[in-house]
Amino acid sequence: MFGRVLASFGLGSAKVDTRLKKAVYRQGEMVQGDIFIQGGKTEQTIDSIYMYLILQNHSEPQLGKYILDKIHLTDPFTIGAHETKVIPFQFQLPFDTPVTAGGSVIYLKTGLDIKTAIDPDDRDGFEVLPSLLVDKILKVTEEIGFQLHNIEFDYEMFHARHPFVQKFKLMPLGEYVPLIDDIKFIFYPSPDEVDIIIQVNNRARDLKSSVEETLQMDERVVRFTVTHEETNLFQLITDHIQNCISE
């Protein structure tokens, strides 16, 4: 009886430890691992095991700890005193999971739902890279003559599943330096394609463009979609950037 009372306060209760198969995943990739549950001093019923996919960025105070997704893993089960259970799991990382850059942290919070007890939990961080197609688009853009400068959050523009998007800011090199201040990419990746918004901030070259820059009217925006079957990505992105310069 005394052990059950202690367990209800989290003392001598079951413990949970999540172990991921690896520390780096791409957007849309299958996340795999094992959940180790160690029974406490008394038998307990676990109503469910749940996971929260959480985004945190200390430089973005309005973001806080934002829940990207919740994964329910099991139905109720009982774990005996000092018993060990290992439960394998896998789930697909959402394609719109932010990449871990610019101070962004992604982690899984695994919890045991135990009635009459304080729920034990475990936290496991991991790195998130762009999807393969997004990564390819960024590399092609660098080949065209731009360099990735930083990745920032935007809370005011563009519809998305979450109340923010990430902007990939690239600075011009070579022939584009006199023409462009910077370009920003916003990606909406999915399994078969990526919807892209490019914002091009043109550099002032004459009185008209100087006035536009002062009034913040020098930005040009284009939206298009790229699939895995695209055969000339270099030319496609070049054409869209050139069109924004010539407008």
C-alpha atoms as a PDB file:
ATOM      1  CA  MET A   1       0.000   0.000   0.000  1.00  0.00           C
ATOM      2  CA  PHE A   2       2.776   2.435   0.956  1.00  0.00           C
ATOM      3  CA  GLY A   3       4.460   1.822  -2.422  1.00  0.00           C
ATOM      4  CA  ARG A   4       1.246   2.722  -4.259  1.00  0.00           C
ATOM      5  CA  VAL A   5       0.967   5.973  -2.312  1.00  0.00           C
ATOM      6  CA  LEU A   6       4.541   6.910  -3.192  1.00  0.00           C
ATOM      7  CA  ALA A   7       3.938   6.032  -6.866  1.00  0.00           C
ATOM      8  CA  SER A   8       0.954   8.382  -6.944  1.00  0.00           C
ATOM      9  CA  PHE A   9       3.396  11.211  -6.128  1.00  0.00           C
ATOM     10  CA  GLY A  10       5.874  10.055  -8.746  1.00  0.00           C
ATOM     11  CA  LEU A  11       8.183   8.404  -6.214  1.00  0.00           C
ATOM     12  CA  GLY A  12       8.931   4.828  -7.153  1.00  0.00           C
ATOM     13  CA  SER A  13       6.725   5.202 -10.236  1.00  0.00           C
ATOM     14  CA  ALA A  14       7.435   3.805 -13.713  1.00  0.00           C
ATOM     15  CA  LYS A  15      10.111   5.597 -15.745  1.00  0.00           C
ATOM     16  CA  VAL A  16      10.337   6.162 -19.499  1.00  0.00           C
ATOM     17  CA  ASP A  17      13.407   6.493 -21.731  1.00  0.00           C
ATOM     18  CA  THR A  18      13.114   7.100 -25.479  1.00  0.00           C
ATOM     19  CA  ARG A  19      16.055   6.199 -27.706  1.00  0.00           C
ATOM     20  CA  LEU A  20      16.070   7.354 -31.319  1.00  0.00           C
ATOM     21  CA  LYS A  21      17.783   5.278 -33.995  1.00  0.00           C
ATOM     22  CA  LYS A  22      19.767   8.320 -35.115  1.00  0.00           C
ATOM     23  CA  ALA A  23      20.265  11.996 -34.285  1.00  0.00           C
ATOM     24  CA  VAL A  24      19.606  13.574 -37.695  1.00  0.00           C
ATOM     25  CA  TYR A  25      16.445  13.364 -39.838  1.00  0.00           C
ATOM     26  CA  ARG A  26      15.165  15.078 -42.951  1.00  0.00           C
ATOM     27  CA  GLN A  27      11.722  16.612 -43.330  1.00  0.00           C
ATOM     28  CA  GLY A  28       9.305  13.817 -44.278  1.00  0.00           C
ATOM     29  CA  GLU A  29      11.616  11.010 -43.142  1.00  0.00           C
ATOM     30  CA  MET A  30      10.479   8.129 -40.922  1.00  0.00           C
ATOM     31  CA  VAL A  31      11.590   8.644 -37.314  1.00  0.00           C
ATOM     32  CA  GLN A  32      12.336   5.335 -35.589  1.00  0.00           C
ATOM     33  CA  GLY A  33      13.327   4.323 -32.113  1.00  0.00           C
ATOM     34  CA  ASP A  34      12.508   2.359 -28.974  1.00  0.00           C
ATOM     35  CA  ILE A  35      10.750   3.347 -25.775  1.00  0.00           C
ATOM     36  CA  PHE A  36      12.134   1.680 -22.634  1.00  0.00           C
ATOM     37  CA  ILE A  37       9.701   1.556 -19.710  1.00  0.00           C
ATOM     38  CA  GLN A  38      11.001   0.544 -16.316  1.00  0.00           C
ATOM     39  CA  GLY A  39       8.385  -0.488 -13.801  1.00  0.00           C
ATOM     40  CA  GLY A  40       8.407   1.131 -10.387  1.00  0.00           C
ATOM     41  CA  LYS A  41       7.935  -0.281  -6.911  1.00  0.00           C
ATOM     42  CA  THR A  42       4.390  -1.388  -7.631  1.00  0.00           C
ATOM     43  CA  GLU A  43       2.305  -2.588 -10.559  1.00  0.00           C
ATOM     44  CA  GLN A  44       0.817   0.282 -12.578  1.00  0.00           C
ATOM     45  CA  THR A  45      -1.604   0.682 -15.469  1.00  0.00           C
ATOM     46  CA  ILE A  46      -0.317   2.841 -18.325  1.00  0.00           C
ATOM     47  CA  ASP A  47      -3.343   4.360 -20.067  1.00  0.00           C
ATOM     48  CA  SER A  48      -1.307   5.430 -23.099  1.00  0.00           C
ATOM     49  CA  ILE A  49       2.104   6.453 -24.346  1.00  0.00           C
ATOM     50  CA  TYR A  50       2.109   9.767 -26.151  1.00  0.00           C
ATOM     51  CA  MET A  51       4.709  11.825 -27.975  1.00  0.00           C
ATOM     52  CA  TYR A  52       4.762  15.538 -28.627  1.00  0.00           C
ATOM     53  CA  LEU A  53       6.913  16.926 -31.442  1.00  0.00           C
ATOM     54  CA  ILE A  54       7.966  20.316 -30.086  1.00  0.00           C
ATOM     55  CA  LEU A  55       9.686  23.349 -31.597  1.00  0.00           C
ATOM     56  CA  GLN A  56      11.490  25.810 -29.342  1.00  0.00           C
ATOM     57  CA  ASN A  57      13.535  28.884 -30.191  1.00  0.00           C
ATOM     58  CA  HIS A  58      14.823  31.070 -27.357  1.00  0.00           C
ATOM     59  CA  SER A  59      15.371  34.004 -29.730  1.00  0.00           C
ATOM     60  CA  GLU A  60      11.671  33.940 -30.713  1.00  0.00           C
ATOM     61  CA  PRO A  61       9.768  34.745 -27.471  1.00  0.00           C
ATOM     62  CA  GLN A  62       6.377  34.720 -29.211  1.00  0.00           C
ATOM     63  CA  LEU A  63       7.008  31.128 -30.263  1.00  0.00           C
ATOM     64  CA  GLY A  64       7.492  29.611 -26.818  1.00  0.00           C
ATOM     65  CA  LYS A  65       7.278  25.822 -26.852  1.00  0.00           C
ATOM     66  CA  TYR A  66       5.184  25.162 -29.934  1.00  0.00           C
ATOM     67  CA  ILE A  67       3.633  21.713 -30.446  1.00  0.00           C
ATOM     68  CA  LEU A  68       4.058  20.685 -34.070  1.00  0.00           C
ATOM     69  CA  ASP A  69       2.398  17.289 -33.756  1.00  0.00           C
ATOM     70  CA  LYS A  70       1.089  14.757 -31.232  1.00  0.00           C
ATOM     71  CA  ILE A  71       1.529  11.017 -31.727  1.00  0.00           C
ATOM     72  CA  HIS A  72      -0.498   8.427 -29.799  1.00  0.00           C
ATOM     73  CA  LEU A  73       1.454   5.175 -29.583  1.00  0.00           C
ATOM     74  CA  THR A  74      -0.325   2.543 -27.468  1.00  0.00           C
ATOM     75  CA  ASP A  75      -3.552   1.405 -25.860  1.00  0.00           C
ATOM     76  CA  PRO A  76      -3.722   0.803 -22.072  1.00  0.00           C
ATOM     77  CA  PHE A  77      -1.426  -1.864 -20.629  1.00  0.00           C
ATOM     78  CA  THR A  78      -0.049  -2.911 -17.262  1.00  0.00           C
ATOM     79  CA  ILE A  79       3.590  -2.953 -16.230  1.00  0.00           C
ATOM     80  CA  GLY A  80       4.626  -4.961 -13.208  1.00  0.00           C
ATOM     81  CA  ALA A  81       6.903  -3.894 -10.403  1.00  0.00           C
ATOM     82  CA  HIS A  82      10.499  -3.586 -11.706  1.00  0.00           C
ATOM     83  CA  GLU A  83       9.422  -5.016 -15.085  1.00  0.00           C
ATOM     84  CA  THR A  84      11.072  -3.676 -18.250  1.00  0.00           C
ATOM     85  CA  LYS A  85       9.157  -3.236 -21.488  1.00  0.00           C
ATOM     86  CA  VAL A  86      10.656  -2.161 -24.814  1.00  0.00           C
ATOM     87  CA  ILE A  87       8.209  -0.689 -27.321  1.00  0.00           C
ATOM     88  CA  PRO A  88       9.484   0.075 -30.845  1.00  0.00           C
ATOM     89  CA  PHE A  89       7.903   3.008 -32.671  1.00  0.00           C
ATOM     90  CA  GLN A  90       8.026   4.893 -35.909  1.00  0.00           C
ATOM     91  CA  PHE A  91       6.257   7.908 -37.372  1.00  0.00           C
ATOM     92  CA  GLN A  92       6.740  10.179 -40.348  1.00  0.00           C
ATOM     93  CA  LEU A  93       8.292  13.530 -39.544  1.00  0.00           C
ATOM     94  CA  PRO A  94       5.935  16.133 -41.052  1.00  0.00           C
ATOM     95  CA  PHE A  95       7.273  17.771 -44.192  1.00  0.00           C
ATOM     96  CA  ASP A  96       6.585  21.200 -42.698  1.00  0.00           C
ATOM     97  CA  THR A  97       8.753  20.546 -39.642  1.00  0.00           C
ATOM     98  CA  PRO A  98      11.114  23.551 -39.354  1.00  0.00           C
ATOM     99  CA  VAL A  99      14.784  22.855 -39.930  1.00  0.00           C
ATOM    100  CA  THR A 100      17.009  23.217 -36.873  1.00  0.00           C
ATOM    101  CA  ALA A 101      18.903  26.391 -37.716  1.00  0.00           C
ATOM    102  CA  GLY A 102      19.031  29.902 -36.346  1.00  0.00           C
ATOM    103  CA  GLY A 103      18.543  28.753 -32.773  1.00  0.00           C
ATOM    104  CA  SER A 104      15.637  26.426 -33.495  1.00  0.00           C
ATOM    105  CA  VAL A 105      15.460  23.266 -31.399  1.00  0.00           C
ATOM    106  CA  ILE A 106      13.275  20.260 -32.215  1.00  0.00           C
ATOM    107  CA  TYR A 107      12.650  17.571 -29.626  1.00  0.00           C
ATOM    108  CA  LEU A 108      10.315  14.709 -28.773  1.00  0.00           C
ATOM    109  CA  LYS A 109       8.606  14.671 -25.410  1.00  0.00           C
ATOM    110  CA  THR A 110       7.529  11.141 -24.552  1.00  0.00           C
ATOM    111  CA  GLY A 111       5.090  10.683 -21.695  1.00  0.00           C
ATOM    112  CA  LEU A 112       3.307   7.908 -19.855  1.00  0.00           C
ATOM    113  CA  ASP A 113      -0.333   8.679 -19.095  1.00  0.00           C
ATOM    114  CA  ILE A 114      -0.896   7.194 -15.631  1.00  0.00           C
ATOM    115  CA  LYS A 115      -4.054   7.952 -13.694  1.00  0.00           C
ATOM    116  CA  THR A 116      -3.545   8.770 -10.007  1.00  0.00           C
ATOM    117  CA  ALA A 117       0.132   9.534 -10.674  1.00  0.00           C
ATOM    118  CA  ILE A 118       2.369  12.305 -11.924  1.00  0.00           C
ATOM    119  CA  ASP A 119       3.048  11.469 -15.568  1.00  0.00           C
ATOM    120  CA  PRO A 120       6.747  10.640 -16.116  1.00  0.00           C
ATOM    121  CA  ASP A 121       8.247  11.964 -19.327  1.00  0.00           C
ATOM    122  CA  ASP A 122      11.462  12.026 -21.349  1.00  0.00           C
ATOM    123  CA  ARG A 123      12.840  14.561 -23.848  1.00  0.00           C
ATOM    124  CA  ASP A 124      15.050  13.792 -26.835  1.00  0.00           C
ATOM    125  CA  GLY A 125      16.357  16.432 -29.226  1.00  0.00           C
ATOM    126  CA  PHE A 126      17.437  15.794 -32.803  1.00  0.00           C
ATOM    127  CA  GLU A 127      18.554  17.709 -35.877  1.00  0.00           C
ATOM    128  CA  VAL A 128      16.163  18.369 -38.768  1.00  0.00           C
ATOM    129  CA  LEU A 129      17.524  18.936 -42.274  1.00  0.00           C
ATOM    130  CA  PRO A 130      15.584  20.128 -45.334  1.00  0.00           C
ATOM    131  CA  SER A 131      13.826  17.503 -47.437  1.00  0.00           C
ATOM    132  CA  LEU A 132      15.896  16.106 -50.313  1.00  0.00           C
ATOM    133  CA  LEU A 133      14.102  18.260 -52.896  1.00  0.00           C
ATOM    134  CA  VAL A 134      14.410  21.454 -50.818  1.00  0.00           C
ATOM    135  CA  ASP A 135      18.087  20.673 -50.273  1.00  0.00           C
ATOM    136  CA  LYS A 136      18.541  20.228 -54.020  1.00  0.00           C
ATOM    137  CA  ILE A 137      16.825  23.570 -54.732  1.00  0.00           C
ATOM    138  CA  LEU A 138      19.099  25.389 -52.279  1.00  0.00           C
ATOM    139  CA  LYS A 139      22.226  23.814 -53.766  1.00  0.00           C
ATOM    140  CA  VAL A 140      21.149  24.762 -57.302  1.00  0.00           C
ATOM    141  CA  THR A 141      20.490  28.348 -56.164  1.00  0.00           C
ATOM    142  CA  GLU A 142      24.012  28.484 -54.740  1.00  0.00           C
ATOM    143  CA  GLU A 143      25.332  27.261 -58.103  1.00  0.00           C
ATOM    144  CA  ILE A 144      23.446  30.111 -59.794  1.00  0.00           C
ATOM    145  CA  GLY A 145      25.289  32.665 -57.662  1.00  0.00           C
ATOM    146  CA  PHE A 146      23.867  32.981 -54.155  1.00  0.00           C
ATOM    147  CA  GLN A 147      24.979  31.949 -50.678  1.00  0.00           C
ATOM    148  CA  LEU A 148      22.746  30.933 -47.786  1.00  0.00           C
ATOM    149  CA  HIS A 149      23.025  33.649 -45.132  1.00  0.00           C
ATOM    150  CA  ASN A 150      20.487  32.723 -42.448  1.00  0.00           C
ATOM    151  CA  ILE A 151      17.090  31.168 -41.756  1.00  0.00           C
ATOM    152  CA  GLU A 152      14.458  33.227 -39.957  1.00  0.00           C
ATOM    153  CA  PHE A 153      10.819  32.949 -38.905  1.00  0.00           C
ATOM    154  CA  ASP A 154       7.992  35.006 -40.371  1.00  0.00           C
ATOM    155  CA  TYR A 155       4.708  35.323 -38.460  1.00  0.00           C
ATOM    156  CA  GLU A 156       2.834  37.754 -40.678  1.00  0.00           C
ATOM    157  CA  MET A 157       2.784  36.415 -44.221  1.00  0.00           C
ATOM    158  CA  PHE A 158       1.727  33.372 -46.219  1.00  0.00           C
ATOM    159  CA  HIS A 159      -0.773  30.676 -45.314  1.00  0.00           C
ATOM    160  CA  ALA A 160       0.575  27.546 -43.653  1.00  0.00           C
ATOM    161  CA  ARG A 161      -0.516  24.809 -41.241  1.00  0.00           C
ATOM    162  CA  HIS A 162       1.376  26.581 -38.470  1.00  0.00           C
ATOM    163  CA  PRO A 163       1.234  30.306 -37.626  1.00  0.00           C
ATOM    164  CA  PHE A 164       4.712  30.870 -39.048  1.00  0.00           C
ATOM    165  CA  VAL A 165       6.990  29.952 -41.923  1.00  0.00           C
ATOM    166  CA  GLN A 166      10.751  29.794 -42.225  1.00  0.00           C
ATOM    167  CA  LYS A 167      12.523  32.076 -44.671  1.00  0.00           C
ATOM    168  CA  PHE A 168      15.835  31.005 -46.180  1.00  0.00           C
ATOM    169  CA  LYS A 169      17.770  34.204 -46.868  1.00  0.00           C
ATOM    170  CA  LEU A 170      20.487  34.078 -49.541  1.00  0.00           C
ATOM    171  CA  MET A 171      22.946  36.816 -50.442  1.00  0.00           C
ATOM    172  CA  PRO A 172      24.117  37.440 -54.038  1.00  0.00           C
ATOM    173  CA  LEU A 173      27.576  36.698 -55.343  1.00  0.00           C
ATOM    174  CA  GLY A 174      29.365  37.761 -58.522  1.00  0.00           C
ATOM    175  CA  GLU A 175      27.158  39.224 -61.264  1.00  0.00           C
ATOM    176  CA  TYR A 176      24.085  39.493 -59.019  1.00  0.00           C
ATOM    177  CA  VAL A 177      25.709  41.797 -56.420  1.00  0.00           C
ATOM    178  CA  PRO A 178      24.933  45.057 -58.325  1.00  0.00           C
ATOM    179  CA  LEU A 179      21.362  43.882 -59.023  1.00  0.00           C
ATOM    180  CA  ILE A 180      20.018  42.237 -55.867  1.00  0.00           C
ATOM    181  CA  ASP A 181      20.265  42.975 -52.143  1.00  0.00           C
ATOM    182  CA  ASP A 182      19.066  39.499 -51.161  1.00  0.00           C
ATOM    183  CA  ILE A 183      16.541  36.806 -52.000  1.00  0.00           C
ATOM    184  CA  LYS A 184      14.369  34.792 -49.611  1.00  0.00           C
ATOM    185  CA  PHE A 185      12.897  31.344 -50.191  1.00  0.00           C
ATOM    186  CA  ILE A 186       9.793  30.017 -48.444  1.00  0.00           C
ATOM    187  CA  PHE A 187       9.166  26.307 -48.946  1.00  0.00           C
ATOM    188  CA  TYR A 188       5.958  24.295 -48.625  1.00  0.00           C
ATOM    189  CA  PRO A 189       7.276  20.739 -49.134  1.00  0.00           C
ATOM    190  CA  SER A 190       5.106  17.649 -49.635  1.00  0.00           C
ATOM    191  CA  PRO A 191       5.943  14.055 -50.642  1.00  0.00           C
ATOM    192  CA  ASP A 192       5.853  14.690 -54.406  1.00  0.00           C
ATOM    193  CA  GLU A 193       6.655  18.380 -54.827  1.00  0.00           C
ATOM    194  CA  VAL A 194       7.643  21.665 -53.215  1.00  0.00           C
ATOM    195  CA  ASP A 195       5.613  24.845 -53.508  1.00  0.00           C
ATOM    196  CA  ILE A 196       8.035  27.784 -53.471  1.00  0.00           C
ATOM    197  CA  ILE A 197       7.788  31.510 -52.875  1.00  0.00           C
ATOM    198  CA  ILE A 198      10.800  33.605 -53.831  1.00  0.00           C
ATOM    199  CA  GLN A 199      11.096  37.187 -52.594  1.00  0.00           C
ATOM    200  CA  VAL A 200      13.684  39.194 -54.521  1.00  0.00           C
ATOM    201  CA  ASN A 201      14.863  42.479 -53.005  1.00  0.00           C
ATOM    202  CA  ASN A 202      16.279  44.457 -55.913  1.00  0.00           C
ATOM    203  CA  ARG A 203      19.161  46.871 -55.402  1.00  0.00           C
ATOM    204  CA  ALA A 204      18.625  50.545 -56.263  1.00  0.00           C
ATOM    205  CA  ARG A 205      20.174  51.317 -59.677  1.00  0.00           C
ATOM    206  CA  ASP A 206      18.513  54.610 -60.636  1.00  0.00           C
ATOM    207  CA  LEU A 207      16.244  57.289 -59.198  1.00  0.00           C
ATOM    208  CA  LYS A 208      13.066  55.237 -59.711  1.00  0.00           C
ATOM    209  CA  SER A 209      14.447  52.115 -58.017  1.00  0.00           C
ATOM    210  CA  SER A 210      16.014  54.261 -55.281  1.00  0.00           C
ATOM    211  CA  VAL A 211      12.586  55.711 -54.456  1.00  0.00           C
ATOM    212  CA  GLU A 212      11.082  52.192 -54.515  1.00  0.00           C
ATOM    213  CA  GLU A 213      13.764  50.993 -52.122  1.00  0.00           C
ATOM    214  CA  THR A 214      13.119  53.915 -49.753  1.00  0.00           C
ATOM    215  CA  LEU A 215       9.395  53.149 -49.790  1.00  0.00           C
ATOM    216  CA  GLN A 216      10.119  49.395 -49.502  1.00  0.00           C
ATOM    217  CA  MET A 217       8.509  48.803 -52.902  1.00  0.00           C
ATOM    218  CA  ASP A 218      11.606  47.164 -54.393  1.00  0.00           C
ATOM    219  CA  GLU A 219      10.561  43.618 -53.480  1.00  0.00           C
ATOM    220  CA  ARG A 220       9.313  41.266 -56.188  1.00  0.00           C
ATOM    221  CA  VAL A 221       7.541  37.987 -55.381  1.00  0.00           C
ATOM    222  CA  VAL A 222       7.057  34.879 -57.497  1.00  0.00           C
ATOM    223  CA  ARG A 223       5.403  31.568 -56.611  1.00  0.00           C
ATOM    224  CA  PHE A 224       5.813  28.252 -58.431  1.00  0.00           C
ATOM    225  CA  THR A 225       5.970  24.508 -57.862  1.00  0.00           C
ATOM    226  CA  VAL A 226       8.853  22.083 -58.385  1.00  0.00           C
ATOM    227  CA  THR A 227       8.429  18.312 -58.606  1.00  0.00           C
ATOM    228  CA  HIS A 228      11.010  15.538 -58.354  1.00  0.00           C
ATOM    229  CA  GLU A 229      10.682  15.084 -62.119  1.00  0.00           C
ATOM    230  CA  GLU A 230      11.966  18.582 -62.940  1.00  0.00           C
ATOM    231  CA  THR A 231      14.879  18.094 -65.336  1.00  0.00           C
ATOM    232  CA  ASN A 232      16.281  21.635 -65.576  1.00  0.00           C
ATOM    233  CA  LEU A 233      16.022  23.115 -62.116  1.00  0.00           C
ATOM    234  CA  PHE A 234      18.974  25.453 -62.716  1.00  0.00           C
ATOM    235  CA  GLN A 235      17.281  27.178 -65.649  1.00  0.00           C
ATOM    236  CA  LEU A 236      13.864  27.255 -63.955  1.00  0.00           C
ATOM    237  CA  ILE A 237      15.096  29.112 -60.870  1.00  0.00           C
ATOM    238  CA  THR A 238      17.371  31.376 -62.926  1.00  0.00           C
ATOM    239  CA  ASP A 239      14.433  32.425 -65.119  1.00  0.00           C
ATOM    240  CA  HIS A 240      12.250  33.298 -62.116  1.00  0.00           C
ATOM    241  CA  ILE A 241      15.015  35.367 -60.511  1.00  0.00           C
ATOM    242  CA  GLN A 242      15.799  37.141 -63.791  1.00  0.00           C
ATOM    243  CA  ASN A 243      12.130  37.963 -64.317  1.00  0.00           C
ATOM    244  CA  CYS A 244      11.990  39.574 -60.878  1.00  0.00           C
ATOM    245  CA  ILE A 245      15.038  41.700 -61.706  1.00  0.00           C
ATOM    246  CA  SER A 246      13.664  42.895 -65.035  1.00  0.00           C
ATOM    247  CA  GLU A 247      10.211  43.919 -63.737  1.00  0.00           C
END
